[in-house]
Amino acid sequence: MENIIGVLLVVHGVYSLYRSYKGTETIHWELPATTYIFEKIFGKNFDKWHNFFWGTIEVILGVGFLIYINFPD
């Protein structure tokens, strides 16, 4: 089960990075209150940077999680 979670994080992170590269709408759901300031800062580039930020975090966490689960020492 842990491996599935790690793979899911990596796949979704890579997809987020792809969407960031293409410049399409954000694929993450958040409360509007948590994104209001960042939407004002980034303006029309909000979706690109939002996908890039979360995609990078998901890939790092997914790979780290897979390494930690499969190689505990």
N, C-alpha and C. Protein backbone atom coordinates (compact mmCIF):
# COMPACT_ATOMS: atom_id res chain seq x y z
N MET A 1 0.82 -1.19 0.00
CA MET A 1 0.00 0.00 0.00
C MET A 1 0.86 1.26 0.00
N GLU A 2 1.97 1.24 0.72
CA GLU A 2 2.85 2.40 0.77
C GLU A 2 3.46 2.70 -0.60
N ASN A 3 3.79 1.64 -1.34
CA ASN A 3 4.35 1.84 -2.67
C ASN A 3 3.35 2.50 -3.61
N ILE A 4 2.08 2.15 -3.47
CA ILE A 4 1.05 2.75 -4.31
C ILE A 4 0.95 4.25 -4.04
N ILE A 5 1.02 4.62 -2.78
CA ILE A 5 0.96 6.04 -2.42
C ILE A 5 2.15 6.79 -3.01
N GLY A 6 3.34 6.21 -2.91
CA GLY A 6 4.54 6.85 -3.47
C GLY A 6 4.46 7.00 -4.98
N VAL A 7 3.99 5.96 -5.66
CA VAL A 7 3.86 6.02 -7.11
C VAL A 7 2.80 7.05 -7.51
N LEU A 8 1.70 7.09 -6.78
CA LEU A 8 0.65 8.06 -7.06
C LEU A 8 1.16 9.49 -6.90
N LEU A 9 1.94 9.75 -5.87
CA LEU A 9 2.53 11.07 -5.68
C LEU A 9 3.45 11.45 -6.84
N VAL A 10 4.28 10.51 -7.27
CA VAL A 10 5.22 10.78 -8.36
C VAL A 10 4.46 11.04 -9.66
N VAL A 11 3.49 10.20 -9.97
CA VAL A 11 2.74 10.35 -11.22
C VAL A 11 1.97 11.66 -11.24
N HIS A 12 1.31 11.99 -10.14
CA HIS A 12 0.55 13.23 -10.10
C HIS A 12 1.48 14.44 -10.13
N GLY A 13 2.64 14.33 -9.51
CA GLY A 13 3.61 15.41 -9.55
C GLY A 13 4.16 15.65 -10.95
N VAL A 14 4.45 14.58 -11.66
CA VAL A 14 4.94 14.72 -13.04
C VAL A 14 3.84 15.32 -13.92
N TYR A 15 2.61 14.90 -13.70
CA TYR A 15 1.49 15.47 -14.46
C TYR A 15 1.32 16.96 -14.15
N SER A 16 1.50 17.35 -12.90
CA SER A 16 1.42 18.76 -12.54
C SER A 16 2.53 19.57 -13.22
N LEU A 17 3.73 19.00 -13.26
CA LEU A 17 4.83 19.68 -13.94
C LEU A 17 4.57 19.80 -15.44
N TYR A 18 3.96 18.78 -16.02
CA TYR A 18 3.60 18.84 -17.43
C TYR A 18 2.58 19.94 -17.67
N ARG A 19 1.57 20.01 -16.81
CA ARG A 19 0.55 21.05 -16.96
C ARG A 19 1.15 22.44 -16.75
N SER A 20 2.15 22.53 -15.88
CA SER A 20 2.85 23.80 -15.69
C SER A 20 3.59 24.20 -16.96
N TYR A 21 4.24 23.24 -17.58
CA TYR A 21 4.97 23.49 -18.83
C TYR A 21 4.03 23.94 -19.94
N LYS A 22 2.86 23.31 -20.00
CA LYS A 22 1.88 23.68 -21.02
C LYS A 22 1.15 24.99 -20.68
N GLY A 23 1.17 25.40 -19.43
CA GLY A 23 0.53 26.64 -19.01
C GLY A 23 -0.98 26.54 -18.91
N THR A 24 -1.50 25.35 -18.64
CA THR A 24 -2.94 25.18 -18.54
C THR A 24 -3.42 25.44 -17.12
N GLU A 25 -4.74 25.34 -16.92
CA GLU A 25 -5.31 25.62 -15.61
C GLU A 25 -4.77 24.71 -14.52
N THR A 26 -4.87 25.18 -13.30
CA THR A 26 -4.39 24.40 -12.17
C THR A 26 -5.24 23.15 -11.97
N ILE A 27 -4.62 22.07 -11.53
CA ILE A 27 -5.33 20.82 -11.32
C ILE A 27 -5.49 20.51 -9.84
N HIS A 28 -5.07 21.43 -9.00
CA HIS A 28 -5.15 21.22 -7.56
C HIS A 28 -6.38 21.95 -7.02
N TRP A 29 -7.02 21.33 -6.07
CA TRP A 29 -8.16 21.97 -5.44
C TRP A 29 -7.73 22.51 -4.09
N GLU A 30 -8.01 23.78 -3.86
CA GLU A 30 -7.73 24.40 -2.57
C GLU A 30 -8.86 25.36 -2.25
N LEU A 31 -8.93 25.75 -1.02
CA LEU A 31 -9.91 26.75 -0.64
C LEU A 31 -9.53 28.09 -1.27
N PRO A 32 -10.50 28.85 -1.74
CA PRO A 32 -10.18 30.14 -2.36
C PRO A 32 -9.42 31.09 -1.44
N ALA A 33 -9.64 30.99 -0.15
CA ALA A 33 -8.95 31.88 0.78
C ALA A 33 -7.45 31.61 0.83
N THR A 34 -7.03 30.37 0.54
CA THR A 34 -5.61 30.04 0.60
C THR A 34 -4.86 30.44 -0.66
N THR A 35 -5.57 30.70 -1.75
CA THR A 35 -4.90 31.06 -3.00
C THR A 35 -5.09 32.52 -3.38
N TYR A 36 -5.87 33.26 -2.63
CA TYR A 36 -6.22 34.64 -3.01
C TYR A 36 -4.98 35.51 -3.16
N ILE A 37 -4.10 35.50 -2.19
CA ILE A 37 -2.91 36.36 -2.23
C ILE A 37 -1.99 35.95 -3.37
N PHE A 38 -1.82 34.64 -3.56
CA PHE A 38 -0.94 34.18 -4.64
C PHE A 38 -1.51 34.49 -6.02
N GLU A 39 -2.84 34.45 -6.14
CA GLU A 39 -3.46 34.85 -7.40
C GLU A 39 -3.20 36.33 -7.69
N LYS A 40 -3.21 37.14 -6.65
CA LYS A 40 -2.92 38.57 -6.83
C LYS A 40 -1.45 38.80 -7.18
N ILE A 41 -0.55 38.02 -6.58
CA ILE A 41 0.88 38.19 -6.84
C ILE A 41 1.25 37.75 -8.25
N PHE A 42 0.82 36.54 -8.63
CA PHE A 42 1.23 35.97 -9.92
C PHE A 42 0.32 36.36 -11.07
N GLY A 43 -0.89 36.80 -10.77
CA GLY A 43 -1.80 37.24 -11.82
C GLY A 43 -2.11 36.16 -12.84
N LYS A 44 -1.86 36.44 -14.11
CA LYS A 44 -2.19 35.47 -15.16
C LYS A 44 -1.27 34.26 -15.15
N ASN A 45 -0.12 34.33 -14.48
CA ASN A 45 0.81 33.20 -14.40
C ASN A 45 0.56 32.33 -13.17
N PHE A 46 -0.54 32.56 -12.46
CA PHE A 46 -0.80 31.82 -11.23
C PHE A 46 -0.88 30.32 -11.47
N ASP A 47 -1.62 29.90 -12.50
CA ASP A 47 -1.79 28.47 -12.75
C ASP A 47 -0.47 27.79 -13.06
N LYS A 48 0.39 28.45 -13.81
CA LYS A 48 1.69 27.88 -14.15
C LYS A 48 2.54 27.66 -12.90
N TRP A 49 2.66 28.68 -12.07
CA TRP A 49 3.51 28.56 -10.88
C TRP A 49 2.89 27.68 -9.81
N HIS A 50 1.58 27.68 -9.73
CA HIS A 50 0.90 26.82 -8.76
C HIS A 50 1.14 25.36 -9.10
N ASN A 51 0.98 24.98 -10.36
CA ASN A 51 1.24 23.61 -10.78
C ASN A 51 2.71 23.25 -10.61
N PHE A 52 3.61 24.18 -10.93
CA PHE A 52 5.03 23.90 -10.78
C PHE A 52 5.41 23.67 -9.32
N PHE A 53 4.92 24.52 -8.44
CA PHE A 53 5.22 24.40 -7.02
C PHE A 53 4.74 23.06 -6.45
N TRP A 54 3.46 22.74 -6.65
CA TRP A 54 2.93 21.50 -6.09
C TRP A 54 3.45 20.28 -6.81
N GLY A 55 3.71 20.38 -8.10
CA GLY A 55 4.30 19.25 -8.83
C GLY A 55 5.68 18.90 -8.31
N THR A 56 6.48 19.92 -8.05
CA THR A 56 7.83 19.70 -7.52
C THR A 56 7.76 19.07 -6.13
N ILE A 57 6.89 19.57 -5.29
CA ILE A 57 6.75 19.01 -3.94
C ILE A 57 6.28 17.55 -4.00
N GLU A 58 5.31 17.25 -4.85
CA GLU A 58 4.80 15.88 -4.94
C GLU A 58 5.86 14.91 -5.45
N VAL A 59 6.65 15.32 -6.43
CA VAL A 59 7.70 14.44 -6.96
C VAL A 59 8.75 14.18 -5.88
N ILE A 60 9.17 15.21 -5.19
CA ILE A 60 10.19 15.04 -4.15
C ILE A 60 9.67 14.15 -3.02
N LEU A 61 8.45 14.40 -2.56
CA LEU A 61 7.88 13.58 -1.50
C LEU A 61 7.64 12.14 -1.95
N GLY A 62 7.17 11.96 -3.17
CA GLY A 62 6.91 10.61 -3.69
C GLY A 62 8.18 9.80 -3.81
N VAL A 63 9.22 10.39 -4.38
CA VAL A 63 10.50 9.68 -4.52
C VAL A 63 11.11 9.42 -3.15
N GLY A 64 11.06 10.41 -2.28
CA GLY A 64 11.59 10.22 -0.92
C GLY A 64 10.84 9.14 -0.17
N PHE A 65 9.54 9.11 -0.32
CA PHE A 65 8.71 8.10 0.33
C PHE A 65 9.03 6.71 -0.20
N LEU A 66 9.18 6.58 -1.51
CA LEU A 66 9.52 5.28 -2.10
C LEU A 66 10.90 4.81 -1.64
N ILE A 67 11.86 5.71 -1.58
CA ILE A 67 13.20 5.34 -1.11
C ILE A 67 13.16 4.93 0.36
N TYR A 68 12.44 5.69 1.17
CA TYR A 68 12.37 5.40 2.59
C TYR A 68 11.67 4.07 2.86
N ILE A 69 10.62 3.75 2.13
CA ILE A 69 9.88 2.51 2.35
C ILE A 69 10.68 1.30 1.87
N ASN A 70 11.33 1.41 0.71
CA ASN A 70 12.02 0.27 0.13
C ASN A 70 13.45 0.07 0.61
N PHE A 71 14.06 1.10 1.12
CA PHE A 71 15.44 1.01 1.62
C PHE A 71 15.51 1.66 3.00
N PRO A 72 15.00 1.01 4.04
CA PRO A 72 14.88 1.64 5.35
C PRO A 72 16.21 1.93 6.05
N ASP A 73 17.28 1.31 5.65
CA ASP A 73 18.54 1.56 6.36
C ASP A 73 19.28 2.74 5.87
